[in-house]
Amino acid sequence: MTIEDRGDAQVVTHALAKDTLSKLRDIQTSQVAFRKGLVKLGRICGYEIIDGVMETEYVTIQTPMQETTGERVKGLDDVVIINVLRAATPFVEGLLKAFPRAKQGVISAGRDEEAGMVDGEFPITIDYVKLPEIKETDTVIVADPMLATGSTMCTVLDHVLEDAVDPQHLIVLSAVSAPPGLLRVADAVPEADILTVAIDDYLDDDGYIIPGLGDAGDRAFRTQ
């Protein structure tokens, strides 16, 4: 299995995930290639979640030749994917290739950049929330490519878990994370499994991940 435990988080170490992330980091990667790369990385992470988190069961099947025993993944109909708008949209598109029957929710959340970072945190503005019902048998994946200070993710998780039952699995998924964000989410929501492709070095004074990959939303949608 290509998922390694790194204390507060688990890291996807699949060679193709690392290759794709390296292309996403490159400043020369175009908008189209960047967006496609996020889709690809989401698909890889989805497959890793299936392999590392979900159970399988043995079933009897009839081939054209004879009856035999096969193995199928359990719970593929019990997946909820939460899209943290807007940067997560192509990332979630990739996840849906692994979980095509997943229920989907969206939360539009963003930093108040004008207020600035205070004590390592940003005020977070929530503009829109639409979530499906979450059941005890569900695997819930909250996807955002960047986990920096953890301010956005903790606010999103508050909305996801408010008045909801505890799902079977709660996964916080990112492409790139910074240590302060990992610590904050782990402390705030200890029941969540934090899964990322890379744990980067630090946050700069503006709360950006270093070395990071820039602003994922701006690069994917060609805005500034």
C-alpha atoms as a PDB file:
ATOM      1  CA  MET A   1       0.000   0.000   0.000  1.00  0.00           C
ATOM      2  CA  THR A   2       1.387   3.416  -0.968  1.00  0.00           C
ATOM      3  CA  ILE A   3       0.108   5.371   2.044  1.00  0.00           C
ATOM      4  CA  GLU A   4       2.578   6.136   4.847  1.00  0.00           C
ATOM      5  CA  ASP A   5       1.786   7.279   8.395  1.00  0.00           C
ATOM      6  CA  ARG A   6       3.527  10.573   9.217  1.00  0.00           C
ATOM      7  CA  GLY A   7       2.178  11.356  12.664  1.00  0.00           C
ATOM      8  CA  ASP A   8      -0.645  13.872  12.270  1.00  0.00           C
ATOM      9  CA  ALA A   9      -1.216  12.869   8.645  1.00  0.00           C
ATOM     10  CA  GLN A  10      -0.968  10.044   6.163  1.00  0.00           C
ATOM     11  CA  VAL A  11       0.926  10.675   2.939  1.00  0.00           C
ATOM     12  CA  VAL A  12       0.203   9.191  -0.477  1.00  0.00           C
ATOM     13  CA  THR A  13       3.575   7.977  -1.751  1.00  0.00           C
ATOM     14  CA  HIS A  14       2.423   6.482  -5.055  1.00  0.00           C
ATOM     15  CA  ALA A  15       5.044   7.303  -7.710  1.00  0.00           C
ATOM     16  CA  LEU A  16       2.428   8.647 -10.136  1.00  0.00           C
ATOM     17  CA  ALA A  17       1.012  10.941  -7.433  1.00  0.00           C
ATOM     18  CA  LYS A  18       4.480  12.371  -6.767  1.00  0.00           C
ATOM     19  CA  ASP A  19       5.136  12.777 -10.493  1.00  0.00           C
ATOM     20  CA  THR A  20       1.832  14.605 -11.000  1.00  0.00           C
ATOM     21  CA  LEU A  21       2.426  16.881  -8.015  1.00  0.00           C
ATOM     22  CA  SER A  22       5.869  17.805  -9.337  1.00  0.00           C
ATOM     23  CA  LYS A  23       4.254  18.972 -12.580  1.00  0.00           C
ATOM     24  CA  LEU A  24       1.658  20.958 -10.634  1.00  0.00           C
ATOM     25  CA  ARG A  25       4.397  22.731  -8.677  1.00  0.00           C
ATOM     26  CA  ASP A  26       6.227  23.830 -11.829  1.00  0.00           C
ATOM     27  CA  ILE A  27       5.626  27.509 -12.640  1.00  0.00           C
ATOM     28  CA  GLN A  28       5.885  26.642 -16.346  1.00  0.00           C
ATOM     29  CA  THR A  29       2.824  24.368 -16.187  1.00  0.00           C
ATOM     30  CA  SER A  30      -0.015  25.971 -18.161  1.00  0.00           C
ATOM     31  CA  GLN A  31      -3.523  26.556 -16.878  1.00  0.00           C
ATOM     32  CA  VAL A  32      -4.945  23.657 -18.875  1.00  0.00           C
ATOM     33  CA  ALA A  33      -2.173  21.282 -17.799  1.00  0.00           C
ATOM     34  CA  PHE A  34      -2.522  22.425 -14.186  1.00  0.00           C
ATOM     35  CA  ARG A  35      -6.272  21.794 -14.149  1.00  0.00           C
ATOM     36  CA  LYS A  36      -5.841  18.382 -15.799  1.00  0.00           C
ATOM     37  CA  GLY A  37      -3.110  17.591 -13.293  1.00  0.00           C
ATOM     38  CA  LEU A  38      -5.463  18.275 -10.386  1.00  0.00           C
ATOM     39  CA  VAL A  39      -8.037  15.972 -11.975  1.00  0.00           C
ATOM     40  CA  LYS A  40      -5.413  13.263 -12.387  1.00  0.00           C
ATOM     41  CA  LEU A  41      -4.188  13.671  -8.817  1.00  0.00           C
ATOM     42  CA  GLY A  42      -7.745  13.466  -7.475  1.00  0.00           C
ATOM     43  CA  ARG A  43      -8.279  10.199  -9.355  1.00  0.00           C
ATOM     44  CA  ILE A  44      -5.038   8.723  -7.971  1.00  0.00           C
ATOM     45  CA  CYS A  45      -5.967   9.755  -4.429  1.00  0.00           C
ATOM     46  CA  GLY A  46      -9.400   8.226  -4.889  1.00  0.00           C
ATOM     47  CA  TYR A  47      -7.883   4.902  -5.858  1.00  0.00           C
ATOM     48  CA  GLU A  48      -5.519   5.089  -2.877  1.00  0.00           C
ATOM     49  CA  ILE A  49      -8.475   5.673  -0.540  1.00  0.00           C
ATOM     50  CA  ILE A  50     -10.193   2.620  -2.011  1.00  0.00           C
ATOM     51  CA  ASP A  51      -7.073   0.508  -1.516  1.00  0.00           C
ATOM     52  CA  GLY A  52      -6.104   1.855   1.899  1.00  0.00           C
ATOM     53  CA  VAL A  53      -9.398   2.557   3.652  1.00  0.00           C
ATOM     54  CA  MET A  54     -12.256   0.578   2.158  1.00  0.00           C
ATOM     55  CA  GLU A  55     -12.934  -3.102   2.752  1.00  0.00           C
ATOM     56  CA  THR A  56     -13.550  -5.812   0.184  1.00  0.00           C
ATOM     57  CA  GLU A  57     -15.823  -8.840   0.211  1.00  0.00           C
ATOM     58  CA  TYR A  58     -15.779 -12.169  -1.571  1.00  0.00           C
ATOM     59  CA  VAL A  59     -18.618 -12.835  -4.001  1.00  0.00           C
ATOM     60  CA  THR A  60     -19.635 -15.716  -6.203  1.00  0.00           C
ATOM     61  CA  ILE A  61     -19.639 -14.913  -9.922  1.00  0.00           C
ATOM     62  CA  GLN A  62     -20.341 -16.850 -13.078  1.00  0.00           C
ATOM     63  CA  THR A  63     -17.760 -16.507 -15.822  1.00  0.00           C
ATOM     64  CA  PRO A  64     -18.481 -17.681 -19.394  1.00  0.00           C
ATOM     65  CA  MET A  65     -16.668 -20.872 -18.378  1.00  0.00           C
ATOM     66  CA  GLN A  66     -17.663 -21.689 -14.802  1.00  0.00           C
ATOM     67  CA  GLU A  67     -18.611 -20.388 -11.377  1.00  0.00           C
ATOM     68  CA  THR A  68     -15.791 -18.862  -9.354  1.00  0.00           C
ATOM     69  CA  THR A  69     -15.067 -16.526  -6.447  1.00  0.00           C
ATOM     70  CA  GLY A  70     -14.319 -12.848  -6.988  1.00  0.00           C
ATOM     71  CA  GLU A  71     -13.591  -9.859  -4.751  1.00  0.00           C
ATOM     72  CA  ARG A  72     -15.460  -6.557  -4.748  1.00  0.00           C
ATOM     73  CA  VAL A  73     -15.051  -3.273  -2.863  1.00  0.00           C
ATOM     74  CA  LYS A  74     -17.628  -2.647  -0.163  1.00  0.00           C
ATOM     75  CA  GLY A  75     -19.183   0.779   0.386  1.00  0.00           C
ATOM     76  CA  LEU A  76     -18.739   2.383  -3.031  1.00  0.00           C
ATOM     77  CA  ASP A  77     -22.380   3.489  -2.874  1.00  0.00           C
ATOM     78  CA  ASP A  78     -21.806   5.031   0.561  1.00  0.00           C
ATOM     79  CA  VAL A  79     -19.342   7.790  -0.299  1.00  0.00           C
ATOM     80  CA  VAL A  80     -19.897  11.515   0.236  1.00  0.00           C
ATOM     81  CA  ILE A  81     -17.467  13.984  -1.376  1.00  0.00           C
ATOM     82  CA  ILE A  82     -17.443  17.583  -0.120  1.00  0.00           C
ATOM     83  CA  ASN A  83     -16.107  20.079  -2.665  1.00  0.00           C
ATOM     84  CA  VAL A  84     -14.518  23.147  -1.035  1.00  0.00           C
ATOM     85  CA  LEU A  85     -15.115  25.729  -3.747  1.00  0.00           C
ATOM     86  CA  ARG A  86     -13.458  26.753  -5.881  1.00  0.00           C
ATOM     87  CA  ALA A  87      -9.981  25.253  -6.047  1.00  0.00           C
ATOM     88  CA  ALA A  88     -11.213  21.748  -5.241  1.00  0.00           C
ATOM     89  CA  THR A  89     -13.478  21.515  -8.300  1.00  0.00           C
ATOM     90  CA  PRO A  90     -10.967  19.799 -10.651  1.00  0.00           C
ATOM     91  CA  PHE A  91      -9.591  17.793  -7.712  1.00  0.00           C
ATOM     92  CA  VAL A  92     -13.119  16.487  -7.013  1.00  0.00           C
ATOM     93  CA  GLU A  93     -13.626  15.780 -10.716  1.00  0.00           C
ATOM     94  CA  GLY A  94     -10.785  13.282 -10.394  1.00  0.00           C
ATOM     95  CA  LEU A  95     -12.211  11.784  -7.210  1.00  0.00           C
ATOM     96  CA  LEU A  96     -15.485  11.174  -9.028  1.00  0.00           C
ATOM     97  CA  LYS A  97     -13.665   8.987 -11.535  1.00  0.00           C
ATOM     98  CA  ALA A  98     -12.851   6.692  -8.615  1.00  0.00           C
ATOM     99  CA  PHE A  99     -16.253   7.162  -6.930  1.00  0.00           C
ATOM    100  CA  PRO A 100     -18.728   7.780  -9.782  1.00  0.00           C
ATOM    101  CA  ARG A 101     -21.766   7.069  -7.588  1.00  0.00           C
ATOM    102  CA  ALA A 102     -20.748   9.326  -4.717  1.00  0.00           C
ATOM    103  CA  LYS A 103     -23.112  11.847  -3.199  1.00  0.00           C
ATOM    104  CA  GLN A 104     -21.730  15.361  -3.440  1.00  0.00           C
ATOM    105  CA  GLY A 105     -21.810  18.444  -1.279  1.00  0.00           C
ATOM    106  CA  VAL A 106     -20.369  21.909  -1.860  1.00  0.00           C
ATOM    107  CA  ILE A 107     -19.176  24.587   0.518  1.00  0.00           C
ATOM    108  CA  SER A 108     -17.985  27.942  -0.791  1.00  0.00           C
ATOM    109  CA  ALA A 109     -15.347  29.069   1.702  1.00  0.00           C
ATOM    110  CA  GLY A 110     -12.582  31.632   1.437  1.00  0.00           C
ATOM    111  CA  ARG A 111     -10.042  33.515   3.496  1.00  0.00           C
ATOM    112  CA  ASP A 112     -10.628  37.151   4.363  1.00  0.00           C
ATOM    113  CA  GLU A 113      -7.317  38.253   2.881  1.00  0.00           C
ATOM    114  CA  GLU A 114      -7.893  41.923   3.799  1.00  0.00           C
ATOM    115  CA  ALA A 115      -8.218  41.039   7.471  1.00  0.00           C
ATOM    116  CA  GLY A 116      -4.925  39.178   7.236  1.00  0.00           C
ATOM    117  CA  MET A 117      -3.502  36.342   9.291  1.00  0.00           C
ATOM    118  CA  VAL A 118      -3.649  36.763  13.068  1.00  0.00           C
ATOM    119  CA  ASP A 119      -1.919  34.243  15.326  1.00  0.00           C
ATOM    120  CA  GLY A 120      -1.596  31.860  12.402  1.00  0.00           C
ATOM    121  CA  GLU A 121      -5.290  31.946  11.488  1.00  0.00           C
ATOM    122  CA  PHE A 122      -7.522  33.685   8.946  1.00  0.00           C
ATOM    123  CA  PRO A 123     -11.161  34.745   9.309  1.00  0.00           C
ATOM    124  CA  ILE A 124     -13.163  32.539   6.921  1.00  0.00           C
ATOM    125  CA  THR A 125     -16.186  33.631   4.909  1.00  0.00           C
ATOM    126  CA  ILE A 126     -18.791  30.985   4.015  1.00  0.00           C
ATOM    127  CA  ASP A 127     -20.959  32.037   1.073  1.00  0.00           C
ATOM    128  CA  TYR A 128     -22.859  28.843   0.243  1.00  0.00           C
ATOM    129  CA  VAL A 129     -23.473  25.437   1.789  1.00  0.00           C
ATOM    130  CA  LYS A 130     -25.322  22.514   0.210  1.00  0.00           C
ATOM    131  CA  LEU A 131     -24.719  19.116   1.763  1.00  0.00           C
ATOM    132  CA  PRO A 132     -26.338  15.700   1.340  1.00  0.00           C
ATOM    133  CA  GLU A 133     -27.467  13.618   4.279  1.00  0.00           C
ATOM    134  CA  ILE A 134     -24.556  11.866   5.967  1.00  0.00           C
ATOM    135  CA  LYS A 135     -25.126   8.369   7.326  1.00  0.00           C
ATOM    136  CA  GLU A 136     -23.215   6.192   9.777  1.00  0.00           C
ATOM    137  CA  THR A 137     -22.140   3.872   6.956  1.00  0.00           C
ATOM    138  CA  ASP A 138     -20.677   6.675   4.808  1.00  0.00           C
ATOM    139  CA  THR A 139     -17.099   7.449   3.903  1.00  0.00           C
ATOM    140  CA  VAL A 140     -16.926  11.254   3.835  1.00  0.00           C
ATOM    141  CA  ILE A 141     -14.094  12.893   1.877  1.00  0.00           C
ATOM    142  CA  VAL A 142     -13.605  16.642   2.347  1.00  0.00           C
ATOM    143  CA  ALA A 143     -11.363  17.786  -0.507  1.00  0.00           C
ATOM    144  CA  ASP A 144      -9.309  20.963  -0.772  1.00  0.00           C
ATOM    145  CA  PRO A 145      -5.980  20.968  -2.670  1.00  0.00           C
ATOM    146  CA  MET A 146      -4.233  23.205  -0.137  1.00  0.00           C
ATOM    147  CA  LEU A 147      -4.180  22.740   3.647  1.00  0.00           C
ATOM    148  CA  ALA A 148      -2.250  25.763   4.870  1.00  0.00           C
ATOM    149  CA  THR A 149      -3.256  27.335   8.203  1.00  0.00           C
ATOM    150  CA  GLY A 150      -6.199  24.950   8.570  1.00  0.00           C
ATOM    151  CA  SER A 151      -8.597  27.888   9.032  1.00  0.00           C
ATOM    152  CA  THR A 152     -10.711  27.050   5.989  1.00  0.00           C
ATOM    153  CA  MET A 153     -10.752  23.316   6.620  1.00  0.00           C
ATOM    154  CA  CYS A 154     -11.745  23.623  10.290  1.00  0.00           C
ATOM    155  CA  THR A 155     -14.587  25.979   9.365  1.00  0.00           C
ATOM    156  CA  VAL A 156     -15.749  23.608   6.620  1.00  0.00           C
ATOM    157  CA  LEU A 157     -15.623  20.630   8.969  1.00  0.00           C
ATOM    158  CA  ASP A 158     -17.764  22.519  11.477  1.00  0.00           C
ATOM    159  CA  HIS A 159     -20.473  22.793   8.802  1.00  0.00           C
ATOM    160  CA  VAL A 160     -20.072  19.195   7.647  1.00  0.00           C
ATOM    161  CA  LEU A 161     -20.319  17.721  11.136  1.00  0.00           C
ATOM    162  CA  GLU A 162     -22.999  20.048  12.470  1.00  0.00           C
ATOM    163  CA  ASP A 163     -26.088  17.988  13.341  1.00  0.00           C
ATOM    164  CA  ALA A 164     -24.639  15.004  11.417  1.00  0.00           C
ATOM    165  CA  VAL A 165     -24.064  11.478  12.658  1.00  0.00           C
ATOM    166  CA  ASP A 166     -20.498  10.243  12.876  1.00  0.00           C
ATOM    167  CA  PRO A 167     -19.638   8.650   9.519  1.00  0.00           C
ATOM    168  CA  GLN A 168     -17.728   5.397   9.280  1.00  0.00           C
ATOM    169  CA  HIS A 169     -14.748   7.264   7.815  1.00  0.00           C
ATOM    170  CA  LEU A 170     -14.011  11.008   7.722  1.00  0.00           C
ATOM    171  CA  ILE A 171     -11.117  11.884   5.406  1.00  0.00           C
ATOM    172  CA  VAL A 172      -9.575  15.325   4.938  1.00  0.00           C
ATOM    173  CA  LEU A 173      -7.841  15.204   1.556  1.00  0.00           C
ATOM    174  CA  SER A 174      -5.315  17.680   0.180  1.00  0.00           C
ATOM    175  CA  ALA A 175      -2.569  17.772  -2.424  1.00  0.00           C
ATOM    176  CA  VAL A 176      -0.166  19.892  -0.374  1.00  0.00           C
ATOM    177  CA  SER A 177      -0.190  20.565   3.364  1.00  0.00           C
ATOM    178  CA  ALA A 178       1.764  22.674   5.836  1.00  0.00           C
ATOM    179  CA  PRO A 179       2.575  21.541   9.382  1.00  0.00           C
ATOM    180  CA  PRO A 180       0.494  24.269  11.133  1.00  0.00           C
ATOM    181  CA  GLY A 181      -2.628  23.253   9.213  1.00  0.00           C
ATOM    182  CA  LEU A 182      -2.104  19.577   9.950  1.00  0.00           C
ATOM    183  CA  LEU A 183      -1.726  20.265  13.657  1.00  0.00           C
ATOM    184  CA  ARG A 184      -4.766  22.526  13.796  1.00  0.00           C
ATOM    185  CA  VAL A 185      -7.090  20.103  12.003  1.00  0.00           C
ATOM    186  CA  ALA A 186      -5.803  17.142  14.021  1.00  0.00           C
ATOM    187  CA  ASP A 187      -6.461  19.014  17.274  1.00  0.00           C
ATOM    188  CA  ALA A 188      -9.854  20.360  16.226  1.00  0.00           C
ATOM    189  CA  VAL A 189     -11.233  17.178  14.624  1.00  0.00           C
ATOM    190  CA  PRO A 190      -9.265  14.208  15.997  1.00  0.00           C
ATOM    191  CA  GLU A 191     -11.677  11.717  14.431  1.00  0.00           C
ATOM    192  CA  ALA A 192     -10.647  12.835  10.928  1.00  0.00           C
ATOM    193  CA  ASP A 193      -7.995  10.983   8.930  1.00  0.00           C
ATOM    194  CA  ILE A 194      -5.821  13.579   7.208  1.00  0.00           C
ATOM    195  CA  LEU A 195      -4.520  12.394   3.835  1.00  0.00           C
ATOM    196  CA  THR A 196      -2.144  14.438   1.697  1.00  0.00           C
ATOM    197  CA  VAL A 197       0.332  13.957  -1.130  1.00  0.00           C
ATOM    198  CA  ALA A 198       3.028  16.196   0.375  1.00  0.00           C
ATOM    199  CA  ILE A 199       3.853  17.882   3.677  1.00  0.00           C
ATOM    200  CA  ASP A 200       5.737  21.049   2.802  1.00  0.00           C
ATOM    201  CA  ASP A 201       8.190  23.086   4.872  1.00  0.00           C
ATOM    202  CA  TYR A 202       6.367  26.100   6.324  1.00  0.00           C
ATOM    203  CA  LEU A 203       3.948  29.004   5.795  1.00  0.00           C
ATOM    204  CA  ASP A 204       5.199  32.433   4.784  1.00  0.00           C
ATOM    205  CA  ASP A 205       3.996  35.638   6.467  1.00  0.00           C
ATOM    206  CA  ASP A 206       0.969  35.761   4.144  1.00  0.00           C
ATOM    207  CA  GLY A 207      -0.109  32.231   4.984  1.00  0.00           C
ATOM    208  CA  TYR A 208       1.042  30.617   1.733  1.00  0.00           C
ATOM    209  CA  ILE A 209       2.591  27.156   1.718  1.00  0.00           C
ATOM    210  CA  ILE A 210       6.311  27.064   0.931  1.00  0.00           C
ATOM    211  CA  PRO A 211       7.473  25.637  -1.472  1.00  0.00           C
ATOM    212  CA  GLY A 212       3.825  24.945  -2.331  1.00  0.00           C
ATOM    213  CA  LEU A 213       2.434  25.332  -5.809  1.00  0.00           C
ATOM    214  CA  GLY A 214       1.006  28.847  -5.723  1.00  0.00           C
ATOM    215  CA  ASP A 215      -2.705  29.619  -5.530  1.00  0.00           C
ATOM    216  CA  ALA A 216      -4.385  26.461  -6.842  1.00  0.00           C
ATOM    217  CA  GLY A 217      -7.639  28.259  -7.673  1.00  0.00           C
ATOM    218  CA  ASP A 218      -5.931  31.041  -9.604  1.00  0.00           C
ATOM    219  CA  ARG A 219      -3.748  28.621 -11.533  1.00  0.00           C
ATOM    220  CA  ALA A 220      -6.652  26.306 -12.383  1.00  0.00           C
ATOM    221  CA  PHE A 221      -9.065  29.060 -13.439  1.00  0.00           C
ATOM    222  CA  ARG A 222      -6.573  31.682 -14.702  1.00  0.00           C
ATOM    223  CA  THR A 223      -7.542  34.387 -12.269  1.00  0.00           C
ATOM    224  CA  GLN A 224      -5.446  36.518  -9.952  1.00  0.00           C
END
